[in-house]
Amino acid sequence: MVIIFIVLLNSCSFKKLAVNMIADTLSSGAGTAFTGDDDPELIRDALPFALKMYESLLEQAPENRELLLTTGSGFVMYANAFVHTPADMLPDMEFELQEEMLMRARRLYLRGRDYVLRSLDLKYPGFSESVQNDRMDQALEPTTIEDVPNLFWAGAGWMGAISASRFDIALMLDVPKAISLMDRALELDESWGDGSIHEFFLSYYGSMPASMGGSEEKARYHFRKTLEFSQGMKASPYVALASSVCVNNQDASEYRQLLDAALAIDPDSSIENRLSNILSQRKARWLLDHIEDYFLLESEEGDT
């Protein structure tokens, strides 16, 4: 009876302990189960279930920082790979569907960002409030190299939402906040994620107009750094430079060269980047197939 009483008395504690153990296992032990898969459709269909399971666990363990990061980053990745990118590849005649998908991507990005900011708030009370009130130095000064994944995914989610919101001026005003998070992550560990922070800045500087801070020189610098840290095993940097700087310069020759380089990478050569490489190569093929949408090409010989 005494043992039963003690178990009943502590059942809530045991439940919380069990939930945290499961959450910790899921957030730290997934390995390459998702990122190393070679079937994008399987991952597209599986991720929503996984994300909702993470959210269910968070209801029981709301202060599990690792689970908050895993959940937040999962939403950002899902939004980018399976909602935002497919929306950008829709034909002009499907404008209404594209807008619906972009708005969905925006919501998912912000949902992911907010989970990651909650994780930072648990470590640094008042972090989100400082960020929202433009006290970036105050928020970022105490962060350490251990916080780089949180800073990256919060910034990526924020910028993803901005990119998906073409006419949201209020959200556009948050660009400096998102960039500050990324700047701090870069300062703390520029090699993180095989150069993923450099790749973010490659896309940012390459796609933004000069009036808003865009710079071909900076984009190419971050391109080179991404290749250095990824050892040339990622297709996405080539796609990013081709679809931004090359289009802006109307350099169809380099555009083709970069996309061909992306397609030449063997997805199986880097297991942790296999899914990303397959998705990037799909986009590279699409960009090559739709080259006329981005360049004023000379007529084929013999055409009138």
C-alpha atoms as a PDB file:
ATOM      1  CA  MET A   1       0.000   0.000   0.000  1.00  0.00           C
ATOM      2  CA  VAL A   2       2.824   2.394   0.834  1.00  0.00           C
ATOM      3  CA  ILE A   3       4.426   1.779  -2.567  1.00  0.00           C
ATOM      4  CA  ILE A   4       1.115   2.286  -4.381  1.00  0.00           C
ATOM      5  CA  PHE A   5       0.519   5.494  -2.423  1.00  0.00           C
ATOM      6  CA  ILE A   6       3.954   6.843  -3.325  1.00  0.00           C
ATOM      7  CA  VAL A   7       3.428   6.014  -7.012  1.00  0.00           C
ATOM      8  CA  LEU A   8       0.036   7.742  -7.040  1.00  0.00           C
ATOM      9  CA  LEU A   9       1.431  10.706  -5.159  1.00  0.00           C
ATOM     10  CA  ASN A  10       4.165  11.166  -7.698  1.00  0.00           C
ATOM     11  CA  SER A  11       2.299  10.155 -10.832  1.00  0.00           C
ATOM     12  CA  CYS A  12       2.389  13.676 -12.243  1.00  0.00           C
ATOM     13  CA  SER A  13       6.122  13.856 -11.703  1.00  0.00           C
ATOM     14  CA  PHE A  14       6.628  10.473 -13.335  1.00  0.00           C
ATOM     15  CA  LYS A  15       4.464  11.552 -16.267  1.00  0.00           C
ATOM     16  CA  LYS A  16       6.464  14.728 -16.704  1.00  0.00           C
ATOM     17  CA  LEU A  17       9.722  12.792 -16.457  1.00  0.00           C
ATOM     18  CA  ALA A  18       8.537  10.288 -19.055  1.00  0.00           C
ATOM     19  CA  VAL A  19       7.393  13.032 -21.427  1.00  0.00           C
ATOM     20  CA  ASN A  20      10.709  14.817 -21.080  1.00  0.00           C
ATOM     21  CA  MET A  21      12.612  11.597 -21.735  1.00  0.00           C
ATOM     22  CA  ILE A  22      10.594  11.001 -24.924  1.00  0.00           C
ATOM     23  CA  ALA A  23      10.965  14.630 -25.955  1.00  0.00           C
ATOM     24  CA  ASP A  24      14.710  14.570 -25.405  1.00  0.00           C
ATOM     25  CA  THR A  25      15.021  11.382 -27.440  1.00  0.00           C
ATOM     26  CA  LEU A  26      13.013  12.805 -30.330  1.00  0.00           C
ATOM     27  CA  SER A  27      14.772  16.163 -30.332  1.00  0.00           C
ATOM     28  CA  SER A  28      18.313  14.835 -30.108  1.00  0.00           C
ATOM     29  CA  GLY A  29      18.242  11.347 -31.540  1.00  0.00           C
ATOM     30  CA  ALA A  30      16.600  11.722 -34.931  1.00  0.00           C
ATOM     31  CA  GLY A  31      19.967  11.675 -36.697  1.00  0.00           C
ATOM     32  CA  THR A  32      19.488  11.606 -40.463  1.00  0.00           C
ATOM     33  CA  ALA A  33      16.071   9.920 -40.424  1.00  0.00           C
ATOM     34  CA  PHE A  34      14.615  12.971 -42.158  1.00  0.00           C
ATOM     35  CA  THR A  35      17.557  14.856 -43.665  1.00  0.00           C
ATOM     36  CA  GLY A  36      19.169  11.685 -45.012  1.00  0.00           C
ATOM     37  CA  ASP A  37      16.087  10.291 -46.726  1.00  0.00           C
ATOM     38  CA  ASP A  38      16.012   9.975 -50.512  1.00  0.00           C
ATOM     39  CA  ASP A  39      12.214  10.238 -50.856  1.00  0.00           C
ATOM     40  CA  PRO A  40      11.047  13.876 -50.550  1.00  0.00           C
ATOM     41  CA  GLU A  41       7.375  12.901 -50.856  1.00  0.00           C
ATOM     42  CA  LEU A  42       7.687  10.513 -47.921  1.00  0.00           C
ATOM     43  CA  ILE A  43       9.202  13.265 -45.772  1.00  0.00           C
ATOM     44  CA  ARG A  44       6.616  15.795 -46.978  1.00  0.00           C
ATOM     45  CA  ASP A  45       3.825  13.487 -45.831  1.00  0.00           C
ATOM     46  CA  ALA A  46       5.518  12.427 -42.581  1.00  0.00           C
ATOM     47  CA  LEU A  47       6.599  15.799 -41.253  1.00  0.00           C
ATOM     48  CA  PRO A  48       3.138  17.179 -40.368  1.00  0.00           C
ATOM     49  CA  PHE A  49       2.461  14.180 -38.121  1.00  0.00           C
ATOM     50  CA  ALA A  50       5.865  14.539 -36.476  1.00  0.00           C
ATOM     51  CA  LEU A  51       5.349  18.264 -35.910  1.00  0.00           C
ATOM     52  CA  LYS A  52       1.939  17.762 -34.333  1.00  0.00           C
ATOM     53  CA  MET A  53       3.408  15.071 -32.095  1.00  0.00           C
ATOM     54  CA  TYR A  54       6.105  17.516 -30.999  1.00  0.00           C
ATOM     55  CA  GLU A  55       3.439  20.107 -30.228  1.00  0.00           C
ATOM     56  CA  SER A  56       1.495  17.547 -28.177  1.00  0.00           C
ATOM     57  CA  LEU A  57       4.623  16.785 -26.162  1.00  0.00           C
ATOM     58  CA  LEU A  58       5.244  20.496 -25.654  1.00  0.00           C
ATOM     59  CA  GLU A  59       1.837  20.803 -24.011  1.00  0.00           C
ATOM     60  CA  GLN A  60       3.156  18.421 -21.348  1.00  0.00           C
ATOM     61  CA  ALA A  61       6.735  19.721 -21.297  1.00  0.00           C
ATOM     62  CA  PRO A  62       6.520  23.421 -22.251  1.00  0.00           C
ATOM     63  CA  GLU A  63       9.966  24.207 -20.851  1.00  0.00           C
ATOM     64  CA  ASN A  64      11.892  21.603 -22.820  1.00  0.00           C
ATOM     65  CA  ARG A  65      14.267  23.867 -24.754  1.00  0.00           C
ATOM     66  CA  GLU A  66      15.568  21.190 -27.111  1.00  0.00           C
ATOM     67  CA  LEU A  67      12.055  20.162 -28.094  1.00  0.00           C
ATOM     68  CA  LEU A  68      11.120  23.791 -28.692  1.00  0.00           C
ATOM     69  CA  LEU A  69      14.109  24.119 -31.023  1.00  0.00           C
ATOM     70  CA  THR A  70      13.325  20.864 -32.819  1.00  0.00           C
ATOM     71  CA  THR A  71       9.672  21.841 -33.257  1.00  0.00           C
ATOM     72  CA  GLY A  72      10.475  25.351 -34.408  1.00  0.00           C
ATOM     73  CA  SER A  73      13.161  24.325 -36.876  1.00  0.00           C
ATOM     74  CA  GLY A  74      10.866  21.592 -38.194  1.00  0.00           C
ATOM     75  CA  PHE A  75       8.138  24.081 -39.010  1.00  0.00           C
ATOM     76  CA  VAL A  76      10.621  26.394 -40.745  1.00  0.00           C
ATOM     77  CA  MET A  77      12.086  23.560 -42.828  1.00  0.00           C
ATOM     78  CA  TYR A  78       8.649  22.240 -43.763  1.00  0.00           C
ATOM     79  CA  ALA A  79       7.445  25.707 -44.753  1.00  0.00           C
ATOM     80  CA  ASN A  80      10.470  26.302 -46.948  1.00  0.00           C
ATOM     81  CA  ALA A  81      10.826  22.923 -48.640  1.00  0.00           C
ATOM     82  CA  PHE A  82       7.214  21.860 -49.073  1.00  0.00           C
ATOM     83  CA  VAL A  83       5.124  25.044 -49.164  1.00  0.00           C
ATOM     84  CA  HIS A  84       7.120  28.159 -50.081  1.00  0.00           C
ATOM     85  CA  THR A  85       9.387  26.657 -52.755  1.00  0.00           C
ATOM     86  CA  PRO A  86       6.566  24.771 -54.545  1.00  0.00           C
ATOM     87  CA  ALA A  87       4.503  27.991 -54.476  1.00  0.00           C
ATOM     88  CA  ASP A  88       7.281  29.893 -56.228  1.00  0.00           C
ATOM     89  CA  MET A  89       7.349  27.238 -58.951  1.00  0.00           C
ATOM     90  CA  LEU A  90       3.642  27.509 -59.822  1.00  0.00           C
ATOM     91  CA  PRO A  91       2.719  29.023 -63.215  1.00  0.00           C
ATOM     92  CA  ASP A  92       1.359  32.574 -63.341  1.00  0.00           C
ATOM     93  CA  MET A  93      -2.138  31.295 -64.168  1.00  0.00           C
ATOM     94  CA  GLU A  94      -2.308  29.737 -60.677  1.00  0.00           C
ATOM     95  CA  PHE A  95      -1.828  33.064 -58.924  1.00  0.00           C
ATOM     96  CA  GLU A  96      -4.611  32.538 -56.383  1.00  0.00           C
ATOM     97  CA  LEU A  97      -3.278  29.130 -55.315  1.00  0.00           C
ATOM     98  CA  GLN A  98       0.194  30.597 -55.096  1.00  0.00           C
ATOM     99  CA  GLU A  99      -1.009  33.354 -52.793  1.00  0.00           C
ATOM    100  CA  GLU A 100      -2.777  30.820 -50.577  1.00  0.00           C
ATOM    101  CA  MET A 101       0.381  28.739 -50.326  1.00  0.00           C
ATOM    102  CA  LEU A 102       2.551  31.758 -49.582  1.00  0.00           C
ATOM    103  CA  MET A 103       0.239  32.846 -46.790  1.00  0.00           C
ATOM    104  CA  ARG A 104       0.335  29.330 -45.380  1.00  0.00           C
ATOM    105  CA  ALA A 105       4.131  29.375 -45.587  1.00  0.00           C
ATOM    106  CA  ARG A 106       4.149  32.703 -43.752  1.00  0.00           C
ATOM    107  CA  ARG A 107       2.079  31.282 -40.902  1.00  0.00           C
ATOM    108  CA  LEU A 108       4.267  28.194 -40.638  1.00  0.00           C
ATOM    109  CA  TYR A 109       7.467  30.243 -40.667  1.00  0.00           C
ATOM    110  CA  LEU A 110       6.232  32.475 -37.853  1.00  0.00           C
ATOM    111  CA  ARG A 111       4.982  29.485 -35.888  1.00  0.00           C
ATOM    112  CA  GLY A 112       8.447  27.964 -36.108  1.00  0.00           C
ATOM    113  CA  ARG A 113      10.161  31.238 -35.237  1.00  0.00           C
ATOM    114  CA  ASP A 114       8.012  31.675 -32.142  1.00  0.00           C
ATOM    115  CA  TYR A 115       8.836  28.205 -30.814  1.00  0.00           C
ATOM    116  CA  VAL A 116      12.544  28.925 -31.150  1.00  0.00           C
ATOM    117  CA  LEU A 117      12.179  32.323 -29.483  1.00  0.00           C
ATOM    118  CA  ARG A 118      10.399  30.586 -26.600  1.00  0.00           C
ATOM    119  CA  SER A 119      13.454  28.395 -26.201  1.00  0.00           C
ATOM    120  CA  LEU A 120      15.684  31.460 -26.036  1.00  0.00           C
ATOM    121  CA  ASP A 121      13.324  33.108 -23.558  1.00  0.00           C
ATOM    122  CA  LEU A 122      13.715  30.163 -21.201  1.00  0.00           C
ATOM    123  CA  LYS A 123      17.481  30.625 -21.177  1.00  0.00           C
ATOM    124  CA  TYR A 124      17.466  34.416 -21.343  1.00  0.00           C
ATOM    125  CA  PRO A 125      14.251  35.754 -19.747  1.00  0.00           C
ATOM    126  CA  GLY A 126      12.929  38.727 -21.683  1.00  0.00           C
ATOM    127  CA  PHE A 127      14.853  37.834 -24.878  1.00  0.00           C
ATOM    128  CA  SER A 128      11.803  38.077 -27.190  1.00  0.00           C
ATOM    129  CA  GLU A 129      10.617  41.284 -25.560  1.00  0.00           C
ATOM    130  CA  SER A 130      14.024  42.891 -26.103  1.00  0.00           C
ATOM    131  CA  VAL A 131      14.025  41.800 -29.739  1.00  0.00           C
ATOM    132  CA  GLN A 132      10.506  43.045 -30.406  1.00  0.00           C
ATOM    133  CA  ASN A 133      11.360  46.392 -28.823  1.00  0.00           C
ATOM    134  CA  ASP A 134      14.528  46.871 -30.914  1.00  0.00           C
ATOM    135  CA  ARG A 135      16.914  46.255 -28.036  1.00  0.00           C
ATOM    136  CA  MET A 136      18.954  43.829 -30.097  1.00  0.00           C
ATOM    137  CA  ASP A 137      22.286  44.438 -28.378  1.00  0.00           C
ATOM    138  CA  GLN A 138      20.710  43.762 -25.001  1.00  0.00           C
ATOM    139  CA  ALA A 139      19.132  40.545 -26.252  1.00  0.00           C
ATOM    140  CA  LEU A 140      22.139  39.189 -28.134  1.00  0.00           C
ATOM    141  CA  GLU A 141      25.075  40.166 -25.950  1.00  0.00           C
ATOM    142  CA  PRO A 142      24.789  37.204 -23.511  1.00  0.00           C
ATOM    143  CA  THR A 143      24.275  34.573 -26.229  1.00  0.00           C
ATOM    144  CA  THR A 144      26.994  31.967 -26.727  1.00  0.00           C
ATOM    145  CA  ILE A 145      28.057  29.445 -29.338  1.00  0.00           C
ATOM    146  CA  GLU A 146      25.546  26.975 -27.864  1.00  0.00           C
ATOM    147  CA  ASP A 147      22.760  29.306 -29.001  1.00  0.00           C
ATOM    148  CA  VAL A 148      23.767  29.356 -32.673  1.00  0.00           C
ATOM    149  CA  PRO A 149      21.097  26.826 -33.793  1.00  0.00           C
ATOM    150  CA  ASN A 150      18.408  28.855 -32.010  1.00  0.00           C
ATOM    151  CA  LEU A 151      19.616  32.147 -33.482  1.00  0.00           C
ATOM    152  CA  PHE A 152      19.796  30.648 -36.960  1.00  0.00           C
ATOM    153  CA  TRP A 153      16.335  29.067 -36.970  1.00  0.00           C
ATOM    154  CA  ALA A 154      14.678  32.100 -35.395  1.00  0.00           C
ATOM    155  CA  GLY A 155      16.262  34.336 -38.030  1.00  0.00           C
ATOM    156  CA  ALA A 156      15.505  31.911 -40.866  1.00  0.00           C
ATOM    157  CA  GLY A 157      11.865  31.612 -39.831  1.00  0.00           C
ATOM    158  CA  TRP A 158      11.516  35.365 -39.587  1.00  0.00           C
ATOM    159  CA  MET A 159      13.114  36.045 -42.977  1.00  0.00           C
ATOM    160  CA  GLY A 160      11.140  33.219 -44.543  1.00  0.00           C
ATOM    161  CA  ALA A 161       7.903  34.840 -43.397  1.00  0.00           C
ATOM    162  CA  ILE A 162       9.057  38.192 -44.752  1.00  0.00           C
ATOM    163  CA  SER A 163       9.950  36.637 -48.102  1.00  0.00           C
ATOM    164  CA  ALA A 164       6.559  34.927 -48.330  1.00  0.00           C
ATOM    165  CA  SER A 165       4.707  38.185 -47.460  1.00  0.00           C
ATOM    166  CA  ARG A 166       5.144  40.296 -50.548  1.00  0.00           C
ATOM    167  CA  PHE A 167       2.948  43.187 -49.460  1.00  0.00           C
ATOM    168  CA  ASP A 168       3.246  43.154 -45.663  1.00  0.00           C
ATOM    169  CA  ILE A 169       5.061  46.421 -44.988  1.00  0.00           C
ATOM    170  CA  ALA A 170       4.874  45.960 -41.210  1.00  0.00           C
ATOM    171  CA  LEU A 171       6.671  42.621 -41.456  1.00  0.00           C
ATOM    172  CA  MET A 172       9.242  44.072 -43.842  1.00  0.00           C
ATOM    173  CA  LEU A 173      10.242  46.488 -41.102  1.00  0.00           C
ATOM    174  CA  ASP A 174      11.432  43.475 -39.092  1.00  0.00           C
ATOM    175  CA  VAL A 175      14.217  42.643 -41.560  1.00  0.00           C
ATOM    176  CA  PRO A 176      16.931  44.280 -39.390  1.00  0.00           C
ATOM    177  CA  LYS A 177      15.880  42.149 -36.408  1.00  0.00           C
ATOM    178  CA  ALA A 178      16.119  38.912 -38.351  1.00  0.00           C
ATOM    179  CA  ILE A 179      19.462  39.939 -39.828  1.00  0.00           C
ATOM    180  CA  SER A 180      20.783  40.806 -36.352  1.00  0.00           C
ATOM    181  CA  LEU A 181      19.999  37.268 -35.186  1.00  0.00           C
ATOM    182  CA  MET A 182      21.886  35.862 -38.160  1.00  0.00           C
ATOM    183  CA  ASP A 183      24.793  38.271 -37.735  1.00  0.00           C
ATOM    184  CA  ARG A 184      25.210  37.103 -34.155  1.00  0.00           C
ATOM    185  CA  ALA A 185      25.060  33.454 -35.206  1.00  0.00           C
ATOM    186  CA  LEU A 186      27.710  34.105 -37.861  1.00  0.00           C
ATOM    187  CA  GLU A 187      29.899  35.901 -35.327  1.00  0.00           C
ATOM    188  CA  LEU A 188      29.688  33.006 -32.872  1.00  0.00           C
ATOM    189  CA  ASP A 189      30.234  30.093 -35.305  1.00  0.00           C
ATOM    190  CA  GLU A 190      30.471  30.757 -39.036  1.00  0.00           C
ATOM    191  CA  SER A 191      31.042  27.074 -39.800  1.00  0.00           C
ATOM    192  CA  TRP A 192      27.779  25.894 -38.231  1.00  0.00           C
ATOM    193  CA  GLY A 193      25.622  23.621 -40.386  1.00  0.00           C
ATOM    194  CA  ASP A 194      28.293  23.203 -43.084  1.00  0.00           C
ATOM    195  CA  GLY A 195      28.170  26.927 -43.761  1.00  0.00           C
ATOM    196  CA  SER A 196      24.389  27.309 -43.533  1.00  0.00           C
ATOM    197  CA  ILE A 197      24.647  30.814 -42.067  1.00  0.00           C
ATOM    198  CA  HIS A 198      26.845  31.920 -44.955  1.00  0.00           C
ATOM    199  CA  GLU A 199      24.313  30.364 -47.333  1.00  0.00           C
ATOM    200  CA  PHE A 200      21.569  32.430 -45.747  1.00  0.00           C
ATOM    201  CA  PHE A 201      23.563  35.611 -46.366  1.00  0.00           C
ATOM    202  CA  LEU A 202      24.337  34.478 -49.922  1.00  0.00           C
ATOM    203  CA  SER A 203      20.603  34.387 -50.626  1.00  0.00           C
ATOM    204  CA  TYR A 204      19.962  37.613 -48.731  1.00  0.00           C
ATOM    205  CA  TYR A 205      22.623  39.766 -50.376  1.00  0.00           C
ATOM    206  CA  GLY A 206      22.046  38.165 -53.767  1.00  0.00           C
ATOM    207  CA  SER A 207      18.304  38.691 -53.878  1.00  0.00           C
ATOM    208  CA  MET A 208      17.905  42.059 -52.165  1.00  0.00           C
ATOM    209  CA  PRO A 209      18.127  45.253 -54.260  1.00  0.00           C
ATOM    210  CA  ALA A 210      21.129  47.467 -53.547  1.00  0.00           C
ATOM    211  CA  SER A 211      18.828  50.063 -51.987  1.00  0.00           C
ATOM    212  CA  MET A 212      17.944  47.525 -49.296  1.00  0.00           C
ATOM    213  CA  GLY A 213      21.460  46.262 -48.667  1.00  0.00           C
ATOM    214  CA  GLY A 214      21.871  43.827 -51.549  1.00  0.00           C
ATOM    215  CA  SER A 215      25.423  43.308 -52.784  1.00  0.00           C
ATOM    216  CA  GLU A 216      26.822  41.000 -55.456  1.00  0.00           C
ATOM    217  CA  GLU A 217      30.264  41.220 -53.857  1.00  0.00           C
ATOM    218  CA  LYS A 218      28.944  40.078 -50.480  1.00  0.00           C
ATOM    219  CA  ALA A 219      26.791  37.381 -52.064  1.00  0.00           C
ATOM    220  CA  ARG A 220      29.803  35.915 -53.868  1.00  0.00           C
ATOM    221  CA  TYR A 221      31.886  36.098 -50.697  1.00  0.00           C
ATOM    222  CA  HIS A 222      29.283  34.098 -48.779  1.00  0.00           C
ATOM    223  CA  PHE A 223      28.989  31.693 -51.722  1.00  0.00           C
ATOM    224  CA  ARG A 224      32.710  30.941 -51.493  1.00  0.00           C
ATOM    225  CA  LYS A 225      32.517  30.502 -47.707  1.00  0.00           C
ATOM    226  CA  THR A 226      29.552  28.148 -48.042  1.00  0.00           C
ATOM    227  CA  LEU A 227      31.472  25.995 -50.503  1.00  0.00           C
ATOM    228  CA  GLU A 228      34.454  26.013 -48.160  1.00  0.00           C
ATOM    229  CA  PHE A 229      32.542  24.842 -45.091  1.00  0.00           C
ATOM    230  CA  SER A 230      30.381  22.354 -47.003  1.00  0.00           C
ATOM    231  CA  GLN A 231      33.403  21.070 -48.964  1.00  0.00           C
ATOM    232  CA  GLY A 232      31.348  21.461 -52.128  1.00  0.00           C
ATOM    233  CA  MET A 233      28.899  18.755 -51.040  1.00  0.00           C
ATOM    234  CA  LYS A 234      25.768  20.931 -51.112  1.00  0.00           C
ATOM    235  CA  ALA A 235      23.817  21.779 -54.260  1.00  0.00           C
ATOM    236  CA  SER A 236      21.837  24.636 -52.724  1.00  0.00           C
ATOM    237  CA  PRO A 237      24.564  27.353 -52.825  1.00  0.00           C
ATOM    238  CA  TYR A 238      24.880  26.963 -56.603  1.00  0.00           C
ATOM    239  CA  VAL A 239      21.121  27.254 -56.987  1.00  0.00           C
ATOM    240  CA  ALA A 240      21.004  30.292 -54.717  1.00  0.00           C
ATOM    241  CA  LEU A 241      23.688  32.203 -56.615  1.00  0.00           C
ATOM    242  CA  ALA A 242      22.217  31.284 -60.010  1.00  0.00           C
ATOM    243  CA  SER A 243      18.674  32.329 -59.083  1.00  0.00           C
ATOM    244  CA  SER A 244      19.739  35.635 -57.559  1.00  0.00           C
ATOM    245  CA  VAL A 245      22.969  37.232 -58.796  1.00  0.00           C
ATOM    246  CA  CYS A 246      22.952  35.623 -62.251  1.00  0.00           C
ATOM    247  CA  VAL A 247      19.357  36.622 -62.887  1.00  0.00           C
ATOM    248  CA  ASN A 248      20.023  40.168 -61.690  1.00  0.00           C
ATOM    249  CA  ASN A 249      23.064  40.375 -63.998  1.00  0.00           C
ATOM    250  CA  GLN A 250      21.219  38.643 -66.840  1.00  0.00           C
ATOM    251  CA  ASP A 251      24.160  36.249 -67.124  1.00  0.00           C
ATOM    252  CA  ALA A 252      22.540  33.136 -68.600  1.00  0.00           C
ATOM    253  CA  SER A 253      25.895  31.457 -69.181  1.00  0.00           C
ATOM    254  CA  GLU A 254      26.929  31.480 -65.519  1.00  0.00           C
ATOM    255  CA  TYR A 255      23.352  30.598 -64.577  1.00  0.00           C
ATOM    256  CA  ARG A 256      23.617  27.380 -66.594  1.00  0.00           C
ATOM    257  CA  GLN A 257      27.104  26.610 -65.282  1.00  0.00           C
ATOM    258  CA  LEU A 258      26.029  26.942 -61.656  1.00  0.00           C
ATOM    259  CA  LEU A 259      22.905  24.852 -62.090  1.00  0.00           C
ATOM    260  CA  ASP A 260      24.874  22.178 -63.937  1.00  0.00           C
ATOM    261  CA  ALA A 261      27.331  22.164 -61.017  1.00  0.00           C
ATOM    262  CA  ALA A 262      24.428  21.657 -58.609  1.00  0.00           C
ATOM    263  CA  LEU A 263      23.154  18.732 -60.681  1.00  0.00           C
ATOM    264  CA  ALA A 264      26.617  17.153 -60.799  1.00  0.00           C
ATOM    265  CA  ILE A 265      26.684  16.604 -57.031  1.00  0.00           C
ATOM    266  CA  ASP A 266      25.980  13.039 -55.944  1.00  0.00           C
ATOM    267  CA  PRO A 267      23.220  13.204 -53.287  1.00  0.00           C
ATOM    268  CA  ASP A 268      24.548  10.007 -51.725  1.00  0.00           C
ATOM    269  CA  SER A 269      27.976  11.552 -51.134  1.00  0.00           C
ATOM    270  CA  SER A 270      26.676  13.427 -48.075  1.00  0.00           C
ATOM    271  CA  ILE A 271      24.031  11.486 -46.162  1.00  0.00           C
ATOM    272  CA  GLU A 272      23.113  14.364 -43.829  1.00  0.00           C
ATOM    273  CA  ASN A 273      22.480  16.589 -46.874  1.00  0.00           C
ATOM    274  CA  ARG A 274      20.842  13.958 -49.097  1.00  0.00           C
ATOM    275  CA  LEU A 275      17.265  15.262 -48.872  1.00  0.00           C
ATOM    276  CA  SER A 276      18.363  18.878 -49.246  1.00  0.00           C
ATOM    277  CA  ASN A 277      20.472  18.031 -52.282  1.00  0.00           C
ATOM    278  CA  ILE A 278      17.640  16.122 -53.958  1.00  0.00           C
ATOM    279  CA  LEU A 279      15.257  19.038 -53.419  1.00  0.00           C
ATOM    280  CA  SER A 280      17.851  21.575 -54.601  1.00  0.00           C
ATOM    281  CA  GLN A 281      18.530  19.532 -57.723  1.00  0.00           C
ATOM    282  CA  ARG A 282      14.815  19.403 -58.473  1.00  0.00           C
ATOM    283  CA  LYS A 283      14.766  23.185 -58.295  1.00  0.00           C
ATOM    284  CA  ALA A 284      17.900  23.393 -60.460  1.00  0.00           C
ATOM    285  CA  ARG A 285      16.210  21.316 -63.189  1.00  0.00           C
ATOM    286  CA  TRP A 286      13.094  23.474 -62.936  1.00  0.00           C
ATOM    287  CA  LEU A 287      15.163  26.654 -63.242  1.00  0.00           C
ATOM    288  CA  LEU A 288      16.920  25.298 -66.331  1.00  0.00           C
ATOM    289  CA  ASP A 289      13.587  24.265 -67.859  1.00  0.00           C
ATOM    290  CA  HIS A 290      12.195  27.754 -67.220  1.00  0.00           C
ATOM    291  CA  ILE A 291      15.254  29.771 -68.193  1.00  0.00           C
ATOM    292  CA  GLU A 292      13.172  31.835 -70.614  1.00  0.00           C
ATOM    293  CA  ASP A 293      11.193  33.172 -67.662  1.00  0.00           C
ATOM    294  CA  TYR A 294      14.300  34.860 -66.302  1.00  0.00           C
ATOM    295  CA  PHE A 295      16.409  35.810 -69.331  1.00  0.00           C
ATOM    296  CA  LEU A 296      15.919  37.524 -72.678  1.00  0.00           C
ATOM    297  CA  LEU A 297      17.634  34.831 -74.727  1.00  0.00           C
ATOM    298  CA  GLU A 298      18.755  35.351 -78.292  1.00  0.00           C
ATOM    299  CA  SER A 299      16.630  33.575 -80.883  1.00  0.00           C
ATOM    300  CA  GLU A 300      17.717  30.156 -82.030  1.00  0.00           C
ATOM    301  CA  GLU A 301      19.752  30.244 -85.228  1.00  0.00           C
ATOM    302  CA  GLY A 302      17.417  30.223 -88.163  1.00  0.00           C
ATOM    303  CA  ASP A 303      14.495  31.737 -86.257  1.00  0.00           C
ATOM    304  CA  THR A 304      12.946  34.936 -87.571  1.00  0.00           C
END
